[in-house]
Protein backbone atom coordinates (compact mmCIF):
# COMPACT_ATOMS: atom_id res chain seq x y z
CA MET A 1 -26.15 17.69 -11.38
CA HIS A 2 -23.19 15.64 -10.29
CA THR A 3 -20.16 15.58 -12.58
CA GLU A 4 -18.05 12.93 -10.86
CA SER A 5 -18.89 9.42 -9.70
CA HIS A 6 -19.94 8.82 -6.13
CA PRO A 7 -17.00 7.62 -3.97
CA LEU A 8 -18.85 4.34 -3.32
CA ALA A 9 -19.78 3.66 -6.97
CA ASP A 10 -19.71 -0.08 -7.73
CA ARG A 11 -19.26 -0.93 -4.05
CA THR A 12 -21.56 -2.56 -1.53
CA VAL A 13 -22.58 -0.99 1.77
CA LEU A 14 -24.94 -1.81 4.58
CA LEU A 15 -27.84 0.56 4.90
CA ARG A 16 -27.88 2.42 8.21
CA GLU A 17 -29.87 0.70 10.95
CA ASP A 18 -32.37 3.56 11.18
CA VAL A 19 -33.45 3.29 7.50
CA VAL A 20 -37.17 2.49 7.18
CA ASP A 21 -39.44 1.76 4.25
CA THR A 22 -43.05 2.23 5.31
CA GLN A 23 -44.23 1.66 1.74
CA ARG A 24 -42.85 -1.75 0.76
CA GLY A 25 -40.46 -2.81 3.51
CA LEU A 26 -37.60 -3.37 1.03
CA VAL A 27 -35.19 -0.52 1.76
CA VAL A 28 -34.50 -1.15 5.44
CA GLY A 29 -31.61 -0.92 7.84
CA GLY A 30 -28.95 -3.61 7.66
CA ARG A 31 -29.68 -4.63 4.05
CA LYS A 32 -26.80 -4.87 1.58
CA PHE A 33 -27.00 -2.15 -1.08
CA THR A 34 -24.73 -2.08 -4.13
CA VAL A 35 -24.23 1.52 -5.24
CA LYS A 36 -24.10 2.00 -9.00
CA ASP A 37 -23.65 5.79 -8.96
CA TRP A 38 -25.45 9.11 -8.56
CA TRP A 39 -28.88 8.86 -10.19
CA ASP A 40 -28.53 12.15 -12.08
CA LEU A 41 -25.06 11.23 -13.36
CA LEU A 42 -26.32 7.91 -14.72
CA VAL A 43 -29.44 9.19 -16.47
CA GLY A 44 -28.83 12.91 -16.98
CA GLU A 45 -31.81 14.17 -15.00
CA SER A 46 -33.08 14.54 -11.48
CA TRP A 47 -35.07 11.71 -9.92
CA MET A 48 -37.78 14.36 -9.42
CA ASP A 49 -38.20 14.64 -13.19
CA ALA A 50 -38.43 10.88 -13.71
CA ARG A 51 -40.68 9.84 -10.85
CA SER A 52 -43.73 9.34 -13.06
CA THR A 53 -41.89 7.19 -15.62
CA ASN A 54 -39.40 5.18 -13.53
CA PHE A 55 -40.43 2.77 -10.77
CA ALA A 56 -37.28 3.34 -8.69
CA CYS A 57 -37.91 7.11 -8.75
CA TYR A 58 -41.62 6.69 -8.04
CA TRP A 59 -41.03 4.50 -5.00
CA TYR A 60 -38.21 6.71 -3.72
CA SER A 61 -40.55 9.69 -3.98
CA ARG A 62 -43.15 7.91 -1.84
CA ARG A 63 -40.57 6.61 0.64
CA ARG A 64 -38.92 10.05 0.90
CA ARG A 65 -42.23 11.70 1.68
CA TYR A 66 -43.12 9.28 4.48
CA SER A 67 -39.59 8.91 5.88
CA GLY A 68 -38.76 12.62 6.02
CA LEU A 69 -35.71 12.34 3.76
CA PRO A 70 -34.32 15.57 2.25
CA TYR A 71 -35.87 16.78 -0.99
CA ASP A 72 -32.68 17.06 -3.04
CA ASP A 73 -30.58 15.22 -5.63
CA GLU A 74 -28.16 13.60 -3.19
CA VAL A 75 -29.44 10.16 -4.15
CA VAL A 76 -27.69 7.14 -5.57
CA TYR A 77 -29.06 4.36 -7.73
CA GLY A 78 -28.27 0.78 -6.88
CA HIS A 79 -29.55 -2.68 -6.04
CA ILE A 80 -30.62 -4.59 -3.00
CA TYR A 81 -30.03 -8.29 -3.46
CA PRO A 82 -32.00 -10.99 -1.64
CA ASP A 83 -30.14 -13.09 0.91
CA ASP A 84 -30.29 -16.11 -1.40
CA GLY A 85 -28.21 -14.26 -4.02
CA GLY A 86 -31.08 -13.89 -6.49
CA VAL A 87 -31.85 -10.98 -8.79
CA GLY A 88 -31.38 -7.53 -7.24
CA LEU A 89 -34.10 -4.93 -7.19
CA SER A 90 -33.38 -1.35 -8.27
CA HIS A 91 -33.73 1.40 -5.69
CA LEU A 92 -32.79 5.00 -5.03
CA VAL A 93 -31.22 5.70 -1.65
CA HIS A 94 -30.39 9.05 -0.12
CA ILE A 95 -26.73 9.40 0.85
CA THR A 96 -27.71 9.86 4.51
CA GLU A 97 -29.01 6.27 4.45
CA LEU A 98 -25.68 4.74 3.39
CA GLY A 99 -23.72 2.93 6.05
CA GLU A 100 -20.33 1.25 6.11
CA GLU A 101 -18.79 -0.37 3.06
CA ILE A 102 -18.57 -4.15 3.30
């Protein structure tokens, strides 16, 4: 479990260009992602324990399996906002998928 906030908490980054989402096509390279913080710091448990009761955890679990992401707790919770500035969708992203802060 993480005890301190992620260095990019409450900041927006671009996802790395090699990020793919074979499940829904939402978490993909070049998208803006606003990091809220480490998932386990925000909710007090691993994403692995919540994947059957939380949609963000469920979809991350599926995406991780098909994308070959590490099976660990180095994941952050945040939002991807549509280009038109509408409501953001909640996602989990592995830290290896985070790109440059914008």
